[in-house]
ModelCIF file with pLDDT and N, C-alpha, C, O atoms, coordinates in Angstrom:
data_MODEL
#
_entry.id   MODEL 
#
_entity.id                         1 
_entity.type                       polymer 
_entity.pdbx_number_of_molecules   1 
#
_entity_poly.entity_id                      1 
_entity_poly.type                           'polypeptide(L)' 
_entity_poly.nstd_linkage                   no 
_entity_poly.nstd_monomer                   no 
_entity_poly.pdbx_seq_one_letter_code       PLIVLHETYPGHHLQRLQANLASSRLRQLSTNNCYVEGWAMYCEEMMW 
_entity_poly.pdbx_seq_one_letter_code_can   PLIVLHETYPGHHLQRLQANLASSRLRQLSTNNCYVEGWAMYCEEMMW 
_entity_poly.pdbx_strand_id                 A 
#
loop_
_entity_poly_seq.entity_id 
_entity_poly_seq.num 
_entity_poly_seq.mon_id 
_entity_poly_seq.hetero 
1 1  PRO n 
1 2  LEU n 
1 3  ILE n 
1 4  VAL n 
1 5  LEU n 
1 6  HIS n 
1 7  GLU n 
1 8  THR n 
1 9  TYR n 
1 10 PRO n 
1 11 GLY n 
1 12 HIS n 
1 13 HIS n 
1 14 LEU n 
1 15 GLN n 
1 16 ARG n 
1 17 LEU n 
1 18 GLN n 
1 19 ALA n 
1 20 ASN n 
1 21 LEU n 
1 22 ALA n 
1 23 SER n 
1 24 SER n 
1 25 ARG n 
1 26 LEU n 
1 27 ARG n 
1 28 GLN n 
1 29 LEU n 
1 30 SER n 
1 31 THR n 
1 32 ASN n 
1 33 ASN n 
1 34 CYS n 
1 35 TYR n 
1 36 VAL n 
1 37 GLU n 
1 38 GLY n 
1 39 TRP n 
1 40 ALA n 
1 41 MET n 
1 42 TYR n 
1 43 CYS n 
1 44 GLU n 
1 45 GLU n 
1 46 MET n 
1 47 MET n 
1 48 TRP n 
#
_struct_asym.id          A 
_struct_asym.entity_id   1 
#
loop_
_ma_qa_metric.id 
_ma_qa_metric.mode 
_ma_qa_metric.name 
_ma_qa_metric.software_group_id 
_ma_qa_metric.type 
1 global pLDDT . pLDDT 
2 local  pLDDT . pLDDT 
#
_ma_qa_metric_global.metric_id      1 
_ma_qa_metric_global.metric_value   95.67 
_ma_qa_metric_global.model_id       1 
_ma_qa_metric_global.ordinal_id     1 
#
loop_
_ma_qa_metric_local.label_asym_id 
_ma_qa_metric_local.label_comp_id 
_ma_qa_metric_local.label_seq_id 
_ma_qa_metric_local.metric_id 
_ma_qa_metric_local.metric_value 
_ma_qa_metric_local.model_id 
_ma_qa_metric_local.ordinal_id 
A PRO 1  2 98.00 1 1  
A LEU 2  2 98.00 1 2  
A ILE 3  2 98.00 1 3  
A VAL 4  2 98.00 1 4  
A LEU 5  2 98.00 1 5  
A HIS 6  2 98.00 1 6  
A GLU 7  2 98.00 1 7  
A THR 8  2 98.00 1 8  
A TYR 9  2 98.00 1 9  
A PRO 10 2 98.00 1 10 
A GLY 11 2 98.00 1 11 
A HIS 12 2 98.00 1 12 
A HIS 13 2 98.00 1 13 
A LEU 14 2 98.00 1 14 
A GLN 15 2 97.00 1 15 
A ARG 16 2 96.00 1 16 
A LEU 17 2 97.00 1 17 
A GLN 18 2 96.00 1 18 
A ALA 19 2 95.00 1 19 
A ASN 20 2 95.00 1 20 
A LEU 21 2 95.00 1 21 
A ALA 22 2 93.00 1 22 
A SER 23 2 90.00 1 23 
A SER 24 2 92.00 1 24 
A ARG 25 2 93.00 1 25 
A LEU 26 2 95.00 1 26 
A ARG 27 2 95.00 1 27 
A GLN 28 2 94.00 1 28 
A LEU 29 2 91.00 1 29 
A SER 30 2 90.00 1 30 
A THR 31 2 89.00 1 31 
A ASN 32 2 91.00 1 32 
A ASN 33 2 90.00 1 33 
A CYS 34 2 91.00 1 34 
A TYR 35 2 93.00 1 35 
A VAL 36 2 95.00 1 36 
A GLU 37 2 96.00 1 37 
A GLY 38 2 96.00 1 38 
A TRP 39 2 97.00 1 39 
A ALA 40 2 98.00 1 40 
A MET 41 2 97.00 1 41 
A TYR 42 2 97.00 1 42 
A CYS 43 2 98.00 1 43 
A GLU 44 2 98.00 1 44 
A GLU 45 2 97.00 1 45 
A MET 46 2 98.00 1 46 
A MET 47 2 98.00 1 47 
A TRP 48 2 97.00 1 48 
#
loop_
_atom_site.group_PDB 
_atom_site.id 
_atom_site.type_symbol 
_atom_site.label_atom_id 
_atom_site.label_alt_id 
_atom_site.label_comp_id 
_atom_site.label_asym_id 
_atom_site.label_entity_id 
_atom_site.label_seq_id 
_atom_site.pdbx_PDB_ins_code 
_atom_site.Cartn_x 
_atom_site.Cartn_y 
_atom_site.Cartn_z 
_atom_site.occupancy 
_atom_site.B_iso_or_equiv 
_atom_site.pdbx_formal_charge 
_atom_site.auth_seq_id 
_atom_site.auth_comp_id 
_atom_site.auth_asym_id 
_atom_site.auth_atom_id 
_atom_site.pdbx_PDB_model_num 
ATOM 1   N N  . PRO A 1 1  ? -2.432 11.135 48.817 1.00 98.00 ? 1  PRO A N  1 
ATOM 2   C CA . PRO A 1 1  ? -1.362 10.130 48.709 1.00 98.00 ? 1  PRO A CA 1 
ATOM 3   C C  . PRO A 1 1  ? -1.237 9.546  47.310 1.00 98.00 ? 1  PRO A C  1 
ATOM 4   O O  . PRO A 1 1  ? -0.132 9.252  46.856 1.00 98.00 ? 1  PRO A O  1 
ATOM 5   N N  . LEU A 1 2  ? -2.350 9.379  46.634 1.00 98.00 ? 2  LEU A N  1 
ATOM 6   C CA . LEU A 1 2  ? -2.341 8.819  45.283 1.00 98.00 ? 2  LEU A CA 1 
ATOM 7   C C  . LEU A 1 2  ? -1.683 9.782  44.303 1.00 98.00 ? 2  LEU A C  1 
ATOM 8   O O  . LEU A 1 2  ? -0.863 9.374  43.480 1.00 98.00 ? 2  LEU A O  1 
ATOM 9   N N  . ILE A 1 3  ? -2.044 11.062 44.393 1.00 98.00 ? 3  ILE A N  1 
ATOM 10  C CA . ILE A 1 3  ? -1.441 12.074 43.522 1.00 98.00 ? 3  ILE A CA 1 
ATOM 11  C C  . ILE A 1 3  ? 0.058  12.162 43.780 1.00 98.00 ? 3  ILE A C  1 
ATOM 12  O O  . ILE A 1 3  ? 0.855  12.237 42.845 1.00 98.00 ? 3  ILE A O  1 
ATOM 13  N N  . VAL A 1 4  ? 0.435  12.152 45.055 1.00 98.00 ? 4  VAL A N  1 
ATOM 14  C CA . VAL A 1 4  ? 1.846  12.311 45.417 1.00 98.00 ? 4  VAL A CA 1 
ATOM 15  C C  . VAL A 1 4  ? 2.689  11.143 44.907 1.00 98.00 ? 4  VAL A C  1 
ATOM 16  O O  . VAL A 1 4  ? 3.733  11.369 44.296 1.00 98.00 ? 4  VAL A O  1 
ATOM 17  N N  . LEU A 1 5  ? 2.267  9.915  45.139 1.00 98.00 ? 5  LEU A N  1 
ATOM 18  C CA . LEU A 1 5  ? 3.099  8.791  44.700 1.00 98.00 ? 5  LEU A CA 1 
ATOM 19  C C  . LEU A 1 5  ? 3.166  8.727  43.184 1.00 98.00 ? 5  LEU A C  1 
ATOM 20  O O  . LEU A 1 5  ? 4.186  8.325  42.625 1.00 98.00 ? 5  LEU A O  1 
ATOM 21  N N  . HIS A 1 6  ? 2.089  9.121  42.510 1.00 98.00 ? 6  HIS A N  1 
ATOM 22  C CA . HIS A 1 6  ? 2.072  9.155  41.047 1.00 98.00 ? 6  HIS A CA 1 
ATOM 23  C C  . HIS A 1 6  ? 3.068  10.188 40.514 1.00 98.00 ? 6  HIS A C  1 
ATOM 24  O O  . HIS A 1 6  ? 3.812  9.911  39.573 1.00 98.00 ? 6  HIS A O  1 
ATOM 25  N N  . GLU A 1 7  ? 3.077  11.372 41.116 1.00 98.00 ? 7  GLU A N  1 
ATOM 26  C CA . GLU A 1 7  ? 3.879  12.467 40.583 1.00 98.00 ? 7  GLU A CA 1 
ATOM 27  C C  . GLU A 1 7  ? 5.315  12.479 41.107 1.00 98.00 ? 7  GLU A C  1 
ATOM 28  O O  . GLU A 1 7  ? 6.203  13.012 40.441 1.00 98.00 ? 7  GLU A O  1 
ATOM 29  N N  . THR A 1 8  ? 5.563  11.899 42.293 1.00 98.00 ? 8  THR A N  1 
ATOM 30  C CA . THR A 1 8  ? 6.874  12.078 42.918 1.00 98.00 ? 8  THR A CA 1 
ATOM 31  C C  . THR A 1 8  ? 7.590  10.750 43.148 1.00 98.00 ? 8  THR A C  1 
ATOM 32  O O  . THR A 1 8  ? 8.349  10.305 42.287 1.00 98.00 ? 8  THR A O  1 
ATOM 33  N N  . TYR A 1 9  ? 7.361  10.114 44.291 1.00 98.00 ? 9  TYR A N  1 
ATOM 34  C CA . TYR A 1 9  ? 8.048  8.870  44.653 1.00 98.00 ? 9  TYR A CA 1 
ATOM 35  C C  . TYR A 1 9  ? 7.023  7.759  44.851 1.00 98.00 ? 9  TYR A C  1 
ATOM 36  O O  . TYR A 1 9  ? 6.112  7.906  45.665 1.00 98.00 ? 9  TYR A O  1 
ATOM 37  N N  . PRO A 1 10 ? 7.153  6.669  44.134 1.00 98.00 ? 10 PRO A N  1 
ATOM 38  C CA . PRO A 1 10 ? 8.188  6.298  43.161 1.00 98.00 ? 10 PRO A CA 1 
ATOM 39  C C  . PRO A 1 10 ? 7.777  6.570  41.720 1.00 98.00 ? 10 PRO A C  1 
ATOM 40  O O  . PRO A 1 10 ? 8.255  5.909  40.797 1.00 98.00 ? 10 PRO A O  1 
ATOM 41  N N  . GLY A 1 11 ? 6.881  7.555  41.525 1.00 98.00 ? 11 GLY A N  1 
ATOM 42  C CA . GLY A 1 11 ? 6.341  7.829  40.201 1.00 98.00 ? 11 GLY A CA 1 
ATOM 43  C C  . GLY A 1 11 ? 7.233  8.680  39.331 1.00 98.00 ? 11 GLY A C  1 
ATOM 44  O O  . GLY A 1 11 ? 8.404  8.363  39.124 1.00 98.00 ? 11 GLY A O  1 
ATOM 45  N N  . HIS A 1 12 ? 6.664  9.784  38.812 1.00 98.00 ? 12 HIS A N  1 
ATOM 46  C CA . HIS A 1 12 ? 7.356  10.555 37.782 1.00 98.00 ? 12 HIS A CA 1 
ATOM 47  C C  . HIS A 1 12 ? 8.728  11.064 38.210 1.00 98.00 ? 12 HIS A C  1 
ATOM 48  O O  . HIS A 1 12 ? 9.689  10.950 37.451 1.00 98.00 ? 12 HIS A O  1 
ATOM 49  N N  . HIS A 1 13 ? 8.834  11.624 39.416 1.00 98.00 ? 13 HIS A N  1 
ATOM 50  C CA . HIS A 1 13 ? 10.112 12.238 39.808 1.00 98.00 ? 13 HIS A CA 1 
ATOM 51  C C  . HIS A 1 13 ? 11.226 11.199 39.876 1.00 98.00 ? 13 HIS A C  1 
ATOM 52  O O  . HIS A 1 13 ? 12.309 11.412 39.331 1.00 98.00 ? 13 HIS A O  1 
ATOM 53  N N  . LEU A 1 14 ? 10.965 10.082 40.539 1.00 98.00 ? 14 LEU A N  1 
ATOM 54  C CA . LEU A 1 14 ? 11.996 9.058  40.637 1.00 98.00 ? 14 LEU A CA 1 
ATOM 55  C C  . LEU A 1 14 ? 12.353 8.519  39.246 1.00 98.00 ? 14 LEU A C  1 
ATOM 56  O O  . LEU A 1 14 ? 13.527 8.336  38.925 1.00 98.00 ? 14 LEU A O  1 
ATOM 57  N N  . GLN A 1 15 ? 11.337 8.271  38.436 1.00 97.00 ? 15 GLN A N  1 
ATOM 58  C CA . GLN A 1 15 ? 11.595 7.715  37.093 1.00 97.00 ? 15 GLN A CA 1 
ATOM 59  C C  . GLN A 1 15 ? 12.380 8.687  36.218 1.00 97.00 ? 15 GLN A C  1 
ATOM 60  O O  . GLN A 1 15 ? 13.284 8.278  35.489 1.00 97.00 ? 15 GLN A O  1 
ATOM 61  N N  . ARG A 1 16 ? 12.033 9.983  36.289 1.00 96.00 ? 16 ARG A N  1 
ATOM 62  C CA . ARG A 1 16 ? 12.738 10.951 35.445 1.00 96.00 ? 16 ARG A CA 1 
ATOM 63  C C  . ARG A 1 16 ? 14.165 11.177 35.927 1.00 96.00 ? 16 ARG A C  1 
ATOM 64  O O  . ARG A 1 16 ? 15.061 11.391 35.110 1.00 96.00 ? 16 ARG A O  1 
ATOM 65  N N  . LEU A 1 17 ? 14.392 11.134 37.233 1.00 97.00 ? 17 LEU A N  1 
ATOM 66  C CA . LEU A 1 17 ? 15.769 11.224 37.726 1.00 97.00 ? 17 LEU A CA 1 
ATOM 67  C C  . LEU A 1 17 ? 16.599 10.070 37.177 1.00 97.00 ? 17 LEU A C  1 
ATOM 68  O O  . LEU A 1 17 ? 17.752 10.253 36.789 1.00 97.00 ? 17 LEU A O  1 
ATOM 69  N N  . GLN A 1 18 ? 16.008 8.889  37.149 1.00 96.00 ? 18 GLN A N  1 
ATOM 70  C CA . GLN A 1 18 ? 16.729 7.725  36.611 1.00 96.00 ? 18 GLN A CA 1 
ATOM 71  C C  . GLN A 1 18 ? 16.933 7.875  35.108 1.00 96.00 ? 18 GLN A C  1 
ATOM 72  O O  . GLN A 1 18 ? 18.014 7.585  34.595 1.00 96.00 ? 18 GLN A O  1 
ATOM 73  N N  . ALA A 1 19 ? 15.895 8.327  34.398 1.00 95.00 ? 19 ALA A N  1 
ATOM 74  C CA . ALA A 1 19 ? 15.999 8.494  32.949 1.00 95.00 ? 19 ALA A CA 1 
ATOM 75  C C  . ALA A 1 19 ? 17.049 9.530  32.573 1.00 95.00 ? 19 ALA A C  1 
ATOM 76  O O  . ALA A 1 19 ? 17.698 9.412  31.534 1.00 95.00 ? 19 ALA A O  1 
ATOM 77  N N  . ASN A 1 20 ? 17.217 10.543 33.414 1.00 95.00 ? 20 ASN A N  1 
ATOM 78  C CA . ASN A 1 20 ? 18.222 11.578 33.137 1.00 95.00 ? 20 ASN A CA 1 
ATOM 79  C C  . ASN A 1 20 ? 19.645 11.051 33.217 1.00 95.00 ? 20 ASN A C  1 
ATOM 80  O O  . ASN A 1 20 ? 20.582 11.736 32.807 1.00 95.00 ? 20 ASN A O  1 
ATOM 81  N N  . LEU A 1 21 ? 19.823 9.833  33.744 1.00 95.00 ? 21 LEU A N  1 
ATOM 82  C CA . LEU A 1 21 ? 21.138 9.203  33.802 1.00 95.00 ? 21 LEU A CA 1 
ATOM 83  C C  . LEU A 1 21 ? 21.381 8.295  32.603 1.00 95.00 ? 21 LEU A C  1 
ATOM 84  O O  . LEU A 1 21 ? 22.347 7.532  32.598 1.00 95.00 ? 21 LEU A O  1 
ATOM 85  N N  . ALA A 1 22 ? 20.530 8.361  31.596 1.00 93.00 ? 22 ALA A N  1 
ATOM 86  C CA . ALA A 1 22 ? 20.636 7.467  30.433 1.00 93.00 ? 22 ALA A CA 1 
ATOM 87  C C  . ALA A 1 22 ? 22.006 7.585  29.766 1.00 93.00 ? 22 ALA A C  1 
ATOM 88  O O  . ALA A 1 22 ? 22.734 8.557  29.968 1.00 93.00 ? 22 ALA A O  1 
ATOM 89  N N  . SER A 1 23 ? 22.332 6.585  28.977 1.00 90.00 ? 23 SER A N  1 
ATOM 90  C CA . SER A 1 23 ? 23.702 6.423  28.482 1.00 90.00 ? 23 SER A CA 1 
ATOM 91  C C  . SER A 1 23 ? 24.060 7.308  27.306 1.00 90.00 ? 23 SER A C  1 
ATOM 92  O O  . SER A 1 23 ? 25.232 7.373  26.934 1.00 90.00 ? 23 SER A O  1 
ATOM 93  N N  . SER A 1 24 ? 23.099 7.993  26.706 1.00 92.00 ? 24 SER A N  1 
ATOM 94  C CA . SER A 1 24 ? 23.419 8.879  25.584 1.00 92.00 ? 24 SER A CA 1 
ATOM 95  C C  . SER A 1 24 ? 22.557 10.133 25.659 1.00 92.00 ? 24 SER A C  1 
ATOM 96  O O  . SER A 1 24 ? 21.483 10.126 26.259 1.00 92.00 ? 24 SER A O  1 
ATOM 97  N N  . ARG A 1 25 ? 23.039 11.209 25.044 1.00 93.00 ? 25 ARG A N  1 
ATOM 98  C CA . ARG A 1 25 ? 22.268 12.459 25.051 1.00 93.00 ? 25 ARG A CA 1 
ATOM 99  C C  . ARG A 1 25 ? 20.956 12.280 24.296 1.00 93.00 ? 25 ARG A C  1 
ATOM 100 O O  . ARG A 1 25 ? 19.950 12.904 24.634 1.00 93.00 ? 25 ARG A O  1 
ATOM 101 N N  . LEU A 1 26 ? 20.966 11.433 23.280 1.00 95.00 ? 26 LEU A N  1 
ATOM 102 C CA . LEU A 1 26 ? 19.734 11.163 22.542 1.00 95.00 ? 26 LEU A CA 1 
ATOM 103 C C  . LEU A 1 26 ? 18.684 10.565 23.467 1.00 95.00 ? 26 LEU A C  1 
ATOM 104 O O  . LEU A 1 26 ? 17.528 10.988 23.455 1.00 95.00 ? 26 LEU A O  1 
ATOM 105 N N  . ARG A 1 27 ? 19.079 9.591  24.261 1.00 95.00 ? 27 ARG A N  1 
ATOM 106 C CA . ARG A 1 27 ? 18.128 8.965  25.178 1.00 95.00 ? 27 ARG A CA 1 
ATOM 107 C C  . ARG A 1 27 ? 17.712 9.944  26.275 1.00 95.00 ? 27 ARG A C  1 
ATOM 108 O O  . ARG A 1 27 ? 16.555 9.949  26.695 1.00 95.00 ? 27 ARG A O  1 
ATOM 109 N N  . GLN A 1 28 ? 18.641 10.764 26.736 1.00 94.00 ? 28 GLN A N  1 
ATOM 110 C CA . GLN A 1 28 ? 18.294 11.746 27.765 1.00 94.00 ? 28 GLN A CA 1 
ATOM 111 C C  . GLN A 1 28 ? 17.279 12.762 27.246 1.00 94.00 ? 28 GLN A C  1 
ATOM 112 O O  . GLN A 1 28 ? 16.415 13.224 27.991 1.00 94.00 ? 28 GLN A O  1 
ATOM 113 N N  . LEU A 1 29 ? 17.392 13.104 25.963 1.00 91.00 ? 29 LEU A N  1 
ATOM 114 C CA . LEU A 1 29 ? 16.483 14.086 25.367 1.00 91.00 ? 29 LEU A CA 1 
ATOM 115 C C  . LEU A 1 29 ? 15.093 13.502 25.137 1.00 91.00 ? 29 LEU A C  1 
ATOM 116 O O  . LEU A 1 29 ? 14.102 14.231 25.122 1.00 91.00 ? 29 LEU A O  1 
ATOM 117 N N  . SER A 1 30 ? 15.026 12.200 24.959 1.00 90.00 ? 30 SER A N  1 
ATOM 118 C CA . SER A 1 30 ? 13.788 11.557 24.519 1.00 90.00 ? 30 SER A CA 1 
ATOM 119 C C  . SER A 1 30 ? 12.935 11.121 25.698 1.00 90.00 ? 30 SER A C  1 
ATOM 120 O O  . SER A 1 30 ? 13.446 10.753 26.756 1.00 90.00 ? 30 SER A O  1 
ATOM 121 N N  . THR A 1 31 ? 11.644 11.171 25.496 1.00 89.00 ? 31 THR A N  1 
ATOM 122 C CA . THR A 1 31 ? 10.704 10.666 26.488 1.00 89.00 ? 31 THR A CA 1 
ATOM 123 C C  . THR A 1 31 ? 9.489  10.144 25.750 1.00 89.00 ? 31 THR A C  1 
ATOM 124 O O  . THR A 1 31 ? 9.290  10.453 24.575 1.00 89.00 ? 31 THR A O  1 
ATOM 125 N N  . ASN A 1 32 ? 8.670  9.350  26.438 1.00 91.00 ? 32 ASN A N  1 
ATOM 126 C CA . ASN A 1 32 ? 7.473  8.803  25.810 1.00 91.00 ? 32 ASN A CA 1 
ATOM 127 C C  . ASN A 1 32 ? 6.389  8.687  26.861 1.00 91.00 ? 32 ASN A C  1 
ATOM 128 O O  . ASN A 1 32 ? 6.566  8.018  27.878 1.00 91.00 ? 32 ASN A O  1 
ATOM 129 N N  . ASN A 1 33 ? 5.263  9.345  26.611 1.00 90.00 ? 33 ASN A N  1 
ATOM 130 C CA . ASN A 1 33 ? 4.208  9.408  27.621 1.00 90.00 ? 33 ASN A CA 1 
ATOM 131 C C  . ASN A 1 33 ? 3.587  8.048  27.925 1.00 90.00 ? 33 ASN A C  1 
ATOM 132 O O  . ASN A 1 33 ? 3.113  7.818  29.037 1.00 90.00 ? 33 ASN A O  1 
ATOM 133 N N  . CYS A 1 34 ? 3.587  7.144  26.942 1.00 91.00 ? 34 CYS A N  1 
ATOM 134 C CA . CYS A 1 34 ? 3.044  5.810  27.224 1.00 91.00 ? 34 CYS A CA 1 
ATOM 135 C C  . CYS A 1 34 ? 3.845  5.153  28.345 1.00 91.00 ? 34 CYS A C  1 
ATOM 136 O O  . CYS A 1 34 ? 3.276  4.534  29.244 1.00 91.00 ? 34 CYS A O  1 
ATOM 137 N N  . TYR A 1 35 ? 5.175  5.293  28.285 1.00 93.00 ? 35 TYR A N  1 
ATOM 138 C CA . TYR A 1 35 ? 5.995  4.702  29.337 1.00 93.00 ? 35 TYR A CA 1 
ATOM 139 C C  . TYR A 1 35 ? 5.907  5.519  30.621 1.00 93.00 ? 35 TYR A C  1 
ATOM 140 O O  . TYR A 1 35 ? 5.724  4.966  31.705 1.00 93.00 ? 35 TYR A O  1 
ATOM 141 N N  . VAL A 1 36 ? 6.038  6.834  30.492 1.00 95.00 ? 36 VAL A N  1 
ATOM 142 C CA . VAL A 1 36 ? 6.056  7.698  31.674 1.00 95.00 ? 36 VAL A CA 1 
ATOM 143 C C  . VAL A 1 36 ? 4.784  7.518  32.501 1.00 95.00 ? 36 VAL A C  1 
ATOM 144 O O  . VAL A 1 36 ? 4.847  7.324  33.715 1.00 95.00 ? 36 VAL A O  1 
ATOM 145 N N  . GLU A 1 37 ? 3.632  7.583  31.838 1.00 96.00 ? 37 GLU A N  1 
ATOM 146 C CA . GLU A 1 37 ? 2.371  7.427  32.570 1.00 96.00 ? 37 GLU A CA 1 
ATOM 147 C C  . GLU A 1 37 ? 2.142  5.975  32.958 1.00 96.00 ? 37 GLU A C  1 
ATOM 148 O O  . GLU A 1 37 ? 1.567  5.696  34.009 1.00 96.00 ? 37 GLU A O  1 
ATOM 149 N N  . GLY A 1 38 ? 2.588  5.051  32.117 1.00 96.00 ? 38 GLY A N  1 
ATOM 150 C CA . GLY A 1 38 ? 2.455  3.637  32.454 1.00 96.00 ? 38 GLY A CA 1 
ATOM 151 C C  . GLY A 1 38 ? 3.202  3.299  33.732 1.00 96.00 ? 38 GLY A C  1 
ATOM 152 O O  . GLY A 1 38 ? 2.702  2.557  34.577 1.00 96.00 ? 38 GLY A O  1 
ATOM 153 N N  . TRP A 1 39 ? 4.412  3.852  33.870 1.00 97.00 ? 39 TRP A N  1 
ATOM 154 C CA . TRP A 1 39 ? 5.187  3.632  35.090 1.00 97.00 ? 39 TRP A CA 1 
ATOM 155 C C  . TRP A 1 39 ? 4.438  4.168  36.307 1.00 97.00 ? 39 TRP A C  1 
ATOM 156 O O  . TRP A 1 39 ? 4.325  3.480  37.321 1.00 97.00 ? 39 TRP A O  1 
ATOM 157 N N  . ALA A 1 40 ? 3.930  5.387  36.209 1.00 98.00 ? 40 ALA A N  1 
ATOM 158 C CA . ALA A 1 40 ? 3.257  5.989  37.359 1.00 98.00 ? 40 ALA A CA 1 
ATOM 159 C C  . ALA A 1 40 ? 1.987  5.222  37.731 1.00 98.00 ? 40 ALA A C  1 
ATOM 160 O O  . ALA A 1 40 ? 1.666  5.076  38.911 1.00 98.00 ? 40 ALA A O  1 
ATOM 161 N N  . MET A 1 41 ? 1.264  4.732  36.711 1.00 97.00 ? 41 MET A N  1 
ATOM 162 C CA . MET A 1 41 ? 0.068  3.944  37.001 1.00 97.00 ? 41 MET A CA 1 
ATOM 163 C C  . MET A 1 41 ? 0.440  2.608  37.651 1.00 97.00 ? 41 MET A C  1 
ATOM 164 O O  . MET A 1 41 ? -0.228 2.143  38.575 1.00 97.00 ? 41 MET A O  1 
ATOM 165 N N  . TYR A 1 42 ? 1.510  2.007  37.152 1.00 97.00 ? 42 TYR A N  1 
ATOM 166 C CA . TYR A 1 42 ? 2.012  0.781  37.785 1.00 97.00 ? 42 TYR A CA 1 
ATOM 167 C C  . TYR A 1 42 ? 2.359  1.046  39.258 1.00 97.00 ? 42 TYR A C  1 
ATOM 168 O O  . TYR A 1 42 ? 2.056  0.232  40.130 1.00 97.00 ? 42 TYR A O  1 
ATOM 169 N N  . CYS A 1 43 ? 2.996  2.189  39.521 1.00 98.00 ? 43 CYS A N  1 
ATOM 170 C CA . CYS A 1 43 ? 3.387  2.530  40.893 1.00 98.00 ? 43 CYS A CA 1 
ATOM 171 C C  . CYS A 1 43 ? 2.174  2.637  41.810 1.00 98.00 ? 43 CYS A C  1 
ATOM 172 O O  . CYS A 1 43 ? 2.249  2.266  42.981 1.00 98.00 ? 43 CYS A O  1 
ATOM 173 N N  . GLU A 1 44 ? 1.061  3.140  41.289 1.00 98.00 ? 44 GLU A N  1 
ATOM 174 C CA . GLU A 1 44 ? -0.142 3.237  42.108 1.00 98.00 ? 44 GLU A CA 1 
ATOM 175 C C  . GLU A 1 44 ? -0.558 1.858  42.612 1.00 98.00 ? 44 GLU A C  1 
ATOM 176 O O  . GLU A 1 44 ? -0.852 1.685  43.795 1.00 98.00 ? 44 GLU A O  1 
ATOM 177 N N  . GLU A 1 45 ? -0.582 0.880  41.708 1.00 97.00 ? 45 GLU A N  1 
ATOM 178 C CA . GLU A 1 45 ? -0.983 -0.473 42.088 1.00 97.00 ? 45 GLU A CA 1 
ATOM 179 C C  . GLU A 1 45 ? 0.061  -1.126 42.997 1.00 97.00 ? 45 GLU A C  1 
ATOM 180 O O  . GLU A 1 45 ? -0.276 -1.793 43.975 1.00 97.00 ? 45 GLU A O  1 
ATOM 181 N N  . MET A 1 46 ? 1.324  -0.921 42.654 1.00 98.00 ? 46 MET A N  1 
ATOM 182 C CA . MET A 1 46 ? 2.399  -1.518 43.436 1.00 98.00 ? 46 MET A CA 1 
ATOM 183 C C  . MET A 1 46 ? 2.421  -0.975 44.866 1.00 98.00 ? 46 MET A C  1 
ATOM 184 O O  . MET A 1 46 ? 2.627  -1.729 45.817 1.00 98.00 ? 46 MET A O  1 
ATOM 185 N N  . MET A 1 47 ? 2.210  0.331  45.013 1.00 98.00 ? 47 MET A N  1 
ATOM 186 C CA . MET A 1 47 ? 2.218  0.922  46.361 1.00 98.00 ? 47 MET A CA 1 
ATOM 187 C C  . MET A 1 47 ? 1.007  0.463  47.180 1.00 98.00 ? 47 MET A C  1 
ATOM 188 O O  . MET A 1 47 ? 1.081  0.372  48.406 1.00 98.00 ? 47 MET A O  1 
ATOM 189 N N  . TRP A 1 48 ? -0.092 0.180  46.505 1.00 97.00 ? 48 TRP A N  1 
ATOM 190 C CA . TRP A 1 48 ? -1.230 -0.441 47.204 1.00 97.00 ? 48 TRP A CA 1 
ATOM 191 C C  . TRP A 1 48 ? -0.816 -1.817 47.720 1.00 97.00 ? 48 TRP A C  1 
ATOM 192 O O  . TRP A 1 48 ? -1.621 -2.513 48.338 1.00 97.00 ? 48 TRP A O  1 
#
């Protein structure tokens, strides 16, 4: 369950689907692991 929520819902998959809707192609192309992993780690605590 921990791996799944981190990688899928509401972790990486949900976040990347939202990021892919960004307002410019520059933002859509860009990513940052500090945020991406930070979000997924936050989701682990939040889902607990």
